[in-house]
Amino acid sequence: MGNFKLLKYFENNMNYINNQYQLIKKLSAGSYGIVYEGENIPNKTSVAIKIEKKDKPQTLEREVSSLSR
């Protein structure tokens, strides 16, 4: 299954991640993955969830690093 087919499958069939986050709607998509609006279920806060393609994991690590400074 190709990367975008896998992301599309995820989008169509899974609304929850680890029973902690719920996907609400897709916000954007690009060559690196898809960004969703989501909800942290235990504390009812709004979150952004980025699901990256399998071959691009370094990008997310760089983004988290730059945002945590």
C-alpha atoms as a PDB file:
ATOM      1  CA  MET A   1       0.000   0.000   0.000  1.00  0.00           C
ATOM      2  CA  GLY A   2       1.488   3.381  -1.001  1.00  0.00           C
ATOM      3  CA  ASN A   3       2.009   6.166   1.518  1.00  0.00           C
ATOM      4  CA  PHE A   4      -0.955   8.273   0.431  1.00  0.00           C
ATOM      5  CA  LYS A   5      -3.213   5.223   0.112  1.00  0.00           C
ATOM      6  CA  LEU A   6      -2.275   4.372   3.700  1.00  0.00           C
ATOM      7  CA  LEU A   7      -3.028   7.935   4.855  1.00  0.00           C
ATOM      8  CA  LYS A   8      -6.368   7.856   3.014  1.00  0.00           C
ATOM      9  CA  TYR A   9      -7.207   4.511   4.660  1.00  0.00           C
ATOM     10  CA  PHE A  10      -6.366   6.007   8.054  1.00  0.00           C
ATOM     11  CA  GLU A  11      -8.524   9.051   7.348  1.00  0.00           C
ATOM     12  CA  ASN A  12     -11.515   6.941   6.284  1.00  0.00           C
ATOM     13  CA  ASN A  13     -11.330   4.210   8.921  1.00  0.00           C
ATOM     14  CA  MET A  14      -9.783   5.512  12.125  1.00  0.00           C
ATOM     15  CA  ASN A  15     -11.164   8.393  14.134  1.00  0.00           C
ATOM     16  CA  TYR A  16      -9.218   7.727  17.337  1.00  0.00           C
ATOM     17  CA  ILE A  17      -5.516   7.463  18.173  1.00  0.00           C
ATOM     18  CA  ASN A  18      -4.600   5.408  21.265  1.00  0.00           C
ATOM     19  CA  ASN A  19      -8.055   6.162  22.730  1.00  0.00           C
ATOM     20  CA  GLN A  20      -6.635   9.558  23.695  1.00  0.00           C
ATOM     21  CA  TYR A  21      -7.079  11.699  20.576  1.00  0.00           C
ATOM     22  CA  GLN A  22     -10.027  12.029  18.241  1.00  0.00           C
ATOM     23  CA  LEU A  23      -9.657  13.230  14.670  1.00  0.00           C
ATOM     24  CA  ILE A  24     -12.250  15.892  13.893  1.00  0.00           C
ATOM     25  CA  LYS A  25     -11.440  17.178  10.399  1.00  0.00           C
ATOM     26  CA  LYS A  26      -8.631  17.416   7.903  1.00  0.00           C
ATOM     27  CA  LEU A  27      -7.013  20.861   7.858  1.00  0.00           C
ATOM     28  CA  SER A  28      -4.384  20.447   5.149  1.00  0.00           C
ATOM     29  CA  ALA A  29      -2.331  17.946   3.184  1.00  0.00           C
ATOM     30  CA  GLY A  30       1.000  18.080   1.426  1.00  0.00           C
ATOM     31  CA  SER A  31       3.904  16.031   0.239  1.00  0.00           C
ATOM     32  CA  TYR A  32       4.937  15.195   3.824  1.00  0.00           C
ATOM     33  CA  GLY A  33       1.568  14.153   5.237  1.00  0.00           C
ATOM     34  CA  ILE A  34      -1.798  15.370   6.522  1.00  0.00           C
ATOM     35  CA  VAL A  35      -2.681  17.758   9.368  1.00  0.00           C
ATOM     36  CA  TYR A  36      -5.933  17.260  11.265  1.00  0.00           C
ATOM     37  CA  GLU A  37      -7.854  19.204  13.842  1.00  0.00           C
ATOM     38  CA  GLY A  38      -8.273  16.891  16.789  1.00  0.00           C
ATOM     39  CA  GLU A  39      -9.302  16.691  20.406  1.00  0.00           C
ATOM     40  CA  ASN A  40      -7.402  15.410  23.412  1.00  0.00           C
ATOM     41  CA  ILE A  41     -10.231  13.296  24.825  1.00  0.00           C
ATOM     42  CA  PRO A  42      -9.208  13.145  28.533  1.00  0.00           C
ATOM     43  CA  ASN A  43      -8.908  16.918  28.984  1.00  0.00           C
ATOM     44  CA  LYS A  44     -11.170  18.109  26.124  1.00  0.00           C
ATOM     45  CA  THR A  45      -8.557  20.393  24.555  1.00  0.00           C
ATOM     46  CA  SER A  46      -8.201  21.153  20.861  1.00  0.00           C
ATOM     47  CA  VAL A  47      -5.004  19.880  19.224  1.00  0.00           C
ATOM     48  CA  ALA A  48      -3.376  19.682  15.801  1.00  0.00           C
ATOM     49  CA  ILE A  49      -2.365  16.184  14.723  1.00  0.00           C
ATOM     50  CA  LYS A  50       0.164  15.699  11.940  1.00  0.00           C
ATOM     51  CA  ILE A  51       0.403  12.273  10.351  1.00  0.00           C
ATOM     52  CA  GLU A  52       3.521  12.040   8.237  1.00  0.00           C
ATOM     53  CA  LYS A  53       4.404   9.749   5.406  1.00  0.00           C
ATOM     54  CA  LYS A  54       6.521   6.803   6.476  1.00  0.00           C
ATOM     55  CA  ASP A  55       9.588   7.989   4.560  1.00  0.00           C
ATOM     56  CA  LYS A  56       9.652  11.517   6.119  1.00  0.00           C
ATOM     57  CA  PRO A  57      10.037  11.041   9.918  1.00  0.00           C
ATOM     58  CA  GLN A  58      12.906  13.516  10.322  1.00  0.00           C
ATOM     59  CA  THR A  59      10.667  16.452   9.405  1.00  0.00           C
ATOM     60  CA  LEU A  60       8.407  16.051  12.423  1.00  0.00           C
ATOM     61  CA  GLU A  61      11.402  15.766  14.752  1.00  0.00           C
ATOM     62  CA  ARG A  62      12.813  19.034  13.359  1.00  0.00           C
ATOM     63  CA  GLU A  63       9.459  20.802  13.757  1.00  0.00           C
ATOM     64  CA  VAL A  64       9.061  19.684  17.368  1.00  0.00           C
ATOM     65  CA  SER A  65      12.623  20.730  18.133  1.00  0.00           C
ATOM     66  CA  SER A  66      12.178  24.206  16.654  1.00  0.00           C
ATOM     67  CA  LEU A  67       8.802  24.748  18.379  1.00  0.00           C
ATOM     68  CA  SER A  68      10.131  23.729  21.782  1.00  0.00           C
ATOM     69  CA  ARG A  69      12.773  26.471  21.825  1.00  0.00           C
END
